[in-house]
Amino acid sequence: MLPQYHILNGDALKYQFPKALKGKLIIARECFIEGTTKGDDFDSFFANRANFICKNYGETEENYLKNVKSEFQKILDITKNCEINLWFEHDLFCQANLWFVTSLIIENPSLKTIFLIMPKEHSQYGFSRLSETELTLAYKHRKLVHNILDFAKLWQYYQNNELGRLKQMAINLQEEFPFILPAVEAHIARIPQENYPERPVASILSIMNELQTDDFTLIFREFCKRESIYGFGDLQVKKLVEQASAYK
């Protein structure tokens, strides 16, 4: 049996990961849905990401490089033949991270046995509501990915803001991976149109008007219900609320 690696999107899944499943864990601790995606190589890319994260989230560069960049470096350091299991959800937050991870995997052409593991259905809760038994069952139903290069191209188009190509690739993959297109369309909808705000901000405004509230807890809960496709956390939604206030 080939050695296994499990690449998880965030620490939450790490803490509930089934003990019965063997293999090394690699944690993708990033949020590529916001901030710069520029960089000519691995080091310059993460230097730019570190600068963004430190300015906007109060992290130190030392901690970022130690806890975030180092995990992605582990993917590049895989040299022997193995099985790679990608544990990612349907939302844009997870998908952008997944696309980036695949762009690292293709750096080593010998890595060909790659599986995708996802919740059975898209919801705002994803893996978080699954028990160890249910997570193990998701693993047993993992899907072999034959077209990892296409996933890596999704990252290339996303990184370079080539929205037409990004959507066309999602359409090309729709039959086998139908969850990609909704995430891509949600990303494209983040672009404001003339005087009309981007979709997430418009949704926040609608929620605030309908519920007649400025209470963040209520707004956040309702936004996650209506716009679970984005997978935003509270920090991202707080920024959206601030943007929405400019339209009131």
Protein backbone atom coordinates (compact mmCIF):
# COMPACT_ATOMS: atom_id res chain seq x y z
CA MET A 1 0.00 0.00 0.00
CA LEU A 2 1.30 3.43 -0.91
CA PRO A 3 2.03 5.92 1.87
CA GLN A 4 -0.69 8.53 2.24
CA TYR A 5 -0.85 12.27 2.69
CA HIS A 6 -4.00 14.10 3.71
CA ILE A 7 -4.16 17.79 2.78
CA LEU A 8 -6.81 19.48 4.91
CA ASN A 9 -8.35 22.90 4.44
CA GLY A 10 -7.82 24.36 7.91
CA ASP A 11 -7.22 23.20 11.45
CA ALA A 12 -10.88 22.53 12.29
CA LEU A 13 -10.85 19.32 10.26
CA LYS A 14 -7.48 18.39 11.75
CA TYR A 15 -9.00 18.26 15.24
CA GLN A 16 -11.85 15.98 14.17
CA PHE A 17 -9.86 13.88 11.70
CA PRO A 18 -10.62 10.14 12.02
CA LYS A 19 -7.97 8.36 14.04
CA ALA A 20 -8.49 5.21 11.98
CA LEU A 21 -7.18 6.90 8.84
CA LYS A 22 -3.40 6.60 8.49
CA GLY A 23 -1.06 9.03 6.81
CA LYS A 24 0.60 12.41 7.29
CA LEU A 25 -1.50 15.55 7.61
CA ILE A 26 -0.74 18.82 5.82
CA ILE A 27 -2.87 21.84 6.75
CA ALA A 28 -3.74 24.56 4.24
CA ARG A 29 -4.01 27.59 6.53
CA GLU A 30 -4.74 30.35 4.05
CA CYS A 31 -7.58 32.45 2.63
CA PHE A 32 -6.73 33.03 -1.02
CA ILE A 33 -10.21 34.46 -1.55
CA GLU A 34 -8.82 37.84 -0.52
CA GLY A 35 -5.62 39.77 -0.85
CA THR A 36 -2.84 39.58 -3.38
CA THR A 37 -2.21 36.47 -5.45
CA LYS A 38 0.88 37.86 -7.14
CA GLY A 39 4.39 36.42 -7.01
CA ASP A 40 6.90 35.21 -9.57
CA ASP A 41 7.87 32.15 -7.55
CA PHE A 42 7.00 30.30 -4.33
CA ASP A 43 9.07 32.55 -2.04
CA SER A 44 7.99 35.88 -3.52
CA PHE A 45 4.36 34.75 -3.56
CA PHE A 46 4.42 33.95 0.14
CA ALA A 47 6.37 37.10 0.94
CA ASN A 48 3.48 39.03 -0.62
CA ARG A 49 0.91 36.93 1.22
CA ALA A 50 2.74 37.40 4.52
CA ASN A 51 2.70 41.16 4.02
CA PHE A 52 -1.05 41.13 3.34
CA ILE A 53 -1.94 38.82 6.22
CA CYS A 54 0.23 40.70 8.72
CA LYS A 55 -1.26 44.08 7.75
CA ASN A 56 -4.87 42.91 7.78
CA TYR A 57 -5.03 40.22 10.43
CA GLY A 58 -2.42 41.27 12.98
CA GLU A 59 -0.26 38.18 12.42
CA THR A 60 3.51 38.34 12.66
CA GLU A 61 5.64 37.45 9.68
CA GLU A 62 7.53 34.89 11.77
CA ASN A 63 4.34 33.05 12.73
CA TYR A 64 2.98 33.21 9.20
CA LEU A 65 6.10 31.69 7.68
CA LYS A 66 6.28 29.06 10.42
CA ASN A 67 2.62 28.03 10.47
CA VAL A 68 1.38 28.76 6.95
CA LYS A 69 4.13 28.81 4.35
CA SER A 70 5.85 25.80 5.91
CA GLU A 71 2.75 23.64 5.42
CA PHE A 72 2.64 24.38 1.70
CA GLN A 73 6.37 23.71 1.51
CA LYS A 74 5.61 20.18 2.73
CA ILE A 75 3.65 19.59 -0.47
CA LEU A 76 6.66 20.53 -2.58
CA ASP A 77 8.84 18.30 -0.40
CA ILE A 78 6.87 15.13 -1.22
CA THR A 79 9.27 13.12 -3.35
CA LYS A 80 8.23 9.49 -3.14
CA ASN A 81 5.32 7.81 -4.85
CA CYS A 82 2.27 8.12 -2.63
CA GLU A 83 -1.45 8.75 -2.43
CA ILE A 84 -2.56 12.33 -1.87
CA ASN A 85 -6.00 12.92 -0.42
CA LEU A 86 -7.43 16.42 -0.84
CA TRP A 87 -10.05 17.23 1.82
CA PHE A 88 -11.85 20.33 0.56
CA GLU A 89 -15.42 21.61 0.47
CA HIS A 90 -17.58 23.15 -2.27
CA ASP A 91 -17.43 26.83 -1.30
CA LEU A 92 -15.22 29.46 -2.92
CA PHE A 93 -12.99 29.79 0.16
CA CYS A 94 -12.10 26.10 -0.02
CA GLN A 95 -11.99 25.96 -3.80
CA ALA A 96 -9.45 28.77 -4.15
CA ASN A 97 -7.23 27.00 -1.62
CA LEU A 98 -7.70 23.69 -3.45
CA TRP A 99 -6.73 25.22 -6.80
CA PHE A 100 -3.54 26.60 -5.28
CA VAL A 101 -2.67 23.25 -3.69
CA THR A 102 -3.02 21.50 -7.05
CA SER A 103 -0.67 24.07 -8.60
CA LEU A 104 1.97 22.84 -6.14
CA ILE A 105 1.22 19.16 -6.71
CA ILE A 106 1.86 19.40 -10.45
CA GLU A 107 5.39 20.61 -9.73
CA ASN A 108 6.20 16.93 -9.19
CA PRO A 109 5.03 14.92 -12.25
CA SER A 110 5.50 11.65 -10.35
CA LEU A 111 2.55 12.49 -8.08
CA LYS A 112 -0.28 10.89 -10.01
CA THR A 113 -2.44 9.15 -7.40
CA ILE A 114 -4.60 12.00 -6.18
CA PHE A 115 -8.04 11.75 -4.59
CA LEU A 116 -10.63 14.40 -3.79
CA ILE A 117 -12.72 14.00 -0.63
CA MET A 118 -15.73 16.25 -0.09
CA PRO A 119 -18.92 16.33 1.97
CA LYS A 120 -21.75 14.56 0.18
CA GLU A 121 -23.68 17.80 -0.19
CA HIS A 122 -22.81 21.47 -0.05
CA SER A 123 -23.94 23.28 3.08
CA GLN A 124 -22.72 26.10 5.29
CA TYR A 125 -21.38 23.50 7.73
CA GLY A 126 -19.33 21.29 5.40
CA PHE A 127 -17.13 18.80 7.22
CA SER A 128 -17.73 20.44 10.61
CA ARG A 129 -21.02 18.65 11.25
CA LEU A 130 -19.72 15.22 10.27
CA SER A 131 -18.80 12.58 12.84
CA GLU A 132 -15.65 10.46 12.62
CA THR A 133 -17.76 7.69 11.14
CA GLU A 134 -19.17 10.02 8.48
CA LEU A 135 -15.72 11.42 7.67
CA THR A 136 -14.41 7.88 7.29
CA LEU A 137 -17.30 7.11 4.96
CA ALA A 138 -16.45 10.23 2.91
CA TYR A 139 -12.90 8.90 2.62
CA LYS A 140 -14.19 5.53 1.41
CA HIS A 141 -16.10 7.34 -1.35
CA ARG A 142 -13.14 9.49 -2.40
CA LYS A 143 -12.87 10.37 -6.07
CA LEU A 144 -9.74 9.76 -8.13
CA VAL A 145 -8.70 12.96 -9.92
CA HIS A 146 -7.40 12.25 -13.43
CA ASN A 147 -7.21 15.86 -14.59
CA ILE A 148 -5.14 17.56 -11.90
CA LEU A 149 -3.60 19.85 -14.54
CA ASP A 150 -7.02 21.37 -15.19
CA PHE A 151 -7.42 22.13 -11.50
CA ALA A 152 -4.03 23.82 -11.53
CA LYS A 153 -5.15 25.91 -14.52
CA LEU A 154 -8.08 27.11 -12.41
CA TRP A 155 -5.53 28.57 -10.04
CA GLN A 156 -3.57 30.15 -12.89
CA TYR A 157 -6.68 31.87 -14.24
CA TYR A 158 -7.84 32.87 -10.76
CA GLN A 159 -4.39 34.22 -9.86
CA ASN A 160 -4.17 36.30 -13.03
CA ASN A 161 -7.81 37.43 -12.91
CA GLU A 162 -8.56 35.80 -16.27
CA LEU A 163 -12.26 35.47 -15.53
CA GLY A 164 -13.33 34.32 -19.00
CA ARG A 165 -10.85 31.46 -18.99
CA LEU A 166 -11.67 30.64 -15.38
CA LYS A 167 -15.36 30.25 -16.17
CA GLN A 168 -14.71 28.29 -19.36
CA MET A 169 -12.51 25.81 -17.48
CA ALA A 170 -15.24 25.42 -14.86
CA ILE A 171 -17.72 24.72 -17.67
CA ASN A 172 -15.34 22.17 -19.20
CA LEU A 173 -15.14 20.37 -15.85
CA GLN A 174 -18.81 20.69 -15.00
CA GLU A 175 -19.90 17.18 -15.93
CA GLU A 176 -17.36 15.52 -13.64
CA PHE A 177 -17.00 18.27 -11.02
CA PRO A 178 -20.28 20.28 -10.97
CA PHE A 179 -19.37 22.11 -7.76
CA ILE A 180 -16.68 24.24 -9.46
CA LEU A 181 -18.90 26.42 -11.65
CA PRO A 182 -21.09 27.80 -8.81
CA ALA A 183 -17.93 28.79 -6.90
CA VAL A 184 -16.45 30.45 -10.00
CA GLU A 185 -19.68 32.31 -10.71
CA ALA A 186 -19.79 33.47 -7.09
CA HIS A 187 -16.25 34.77 -7.46
CA ILE A 188 -17.08 36.67 -10.66
CA ALA A 189 -20.11 38.17 -8.91
CA ARG A 190 -17.75 39.81 -6.41
CA ILE A 191 -16.95 42.43 -9.04
CA PRO A 192 -19.13 45.57 -8.63
CA GLN A 193 -21.17 46.68 -11.65
CA GLU A 194 -21.21 50.48 -12.10
CA ASN A 195 -23.05 51.84 -9.04
CA TYR A 196 -24.32 48.44 -7.96
CA PRO A 197 -22.30 46.69 -5.25
CA GLU A 198 -20.76 43.26 -5.54
CA ARG A 199 -22.98 40.28 -4.73
CA PRO A 200 -21.75 39.71 -1.13
CA VAL A 201 -22.23 43.39 -0.22
CA ALA A 202 -25.63 43.47 -1.91
CA SER A 203 -26.60 40.41 0.12
CA ILE A 204 -25.48 42.11 3.35
CA LEU A 205 -27.55 45.18 2.48
CA SER A 206 -30.57 43.01 1.78
CA ILE A 207 -30.17 41.21 5.11
CA MET A 208 -29.78 44.45 7.06
CA ASN A 209 -32.90 45.90 5.42
CA GLU A 210 -35.03 42.78 5.75
CA LEU A 211 -34.10 42.11 9.37
CA GLN A 212 -33.93 45.81 10.24
CA THR A 213 -30.74 45.24 12.20
CA ASP A 214 -27.10 46.23 12.48
CA ASP A 215 -26.38 43.37 14.86
CA PHE A 216 -23.36 41.58 13.43
CA THR A 217 -24.19 38.20 14.94
CA LEU A 218 -27.59 38.16 13.24
CA ILE A 219 -26.18 39.45 9.96
CA PHE A 220 -23.35 36.91 9.98
CA ARG A 221 -25.66 33.99 10.72
CA GLU A 222 -28.07 34.95 7.93
CA PHE A 223 -25.28 35.67 5.44
CA CYS A 224 -23.75 32.22 6.03
CA LYS A 225 -27.17 30.69 5.39
CA ARG A 226 -27.87 32.61 2.19
CA GLU A 227 -24.36 32.83 0.77
CA SER A 228 -22.75 29.61 1.96
CA ILE A 229 -21.14 29.33 -1.50
CA TYR A 230 -18.54 31.86 -0.35
CA GLY A 231 -17.47 30.09 2.83
CA PHE A 232 -16.54 33.43 4.43
CA GLY A 233 -15.60 33.58 8.10
CA ASP A 234 -16.52 36.34 10.53
CA LEU A 235 -13.51 38.49 9.62
CA GLN A 236 -14.44 38.52 5.94
CA VAL A 237 -18.09 39.29 6.70
CA LYS A 238 -17.13 42.14 9.03
CA LYS A 239 -15.33 43.79 6.12
CA LEU A 240 -18.41 43.31 3.94
CA VAL A 241 -20.58 44.96 6.58
CA GLU A 242 -18.20 47.91 6.64
CA GLN A 243 -18.43 48.17 2.84
CA ALA A 244 -22.21 47.90 2.98
CA SER A 245 -22.43 50.85 5.37
CA ALA A 246 -21.13 53.10 2.59
CA TYR A 247 -24.26 52.34 0.54
CA LYS A 248 -26.74 53.11 3.33
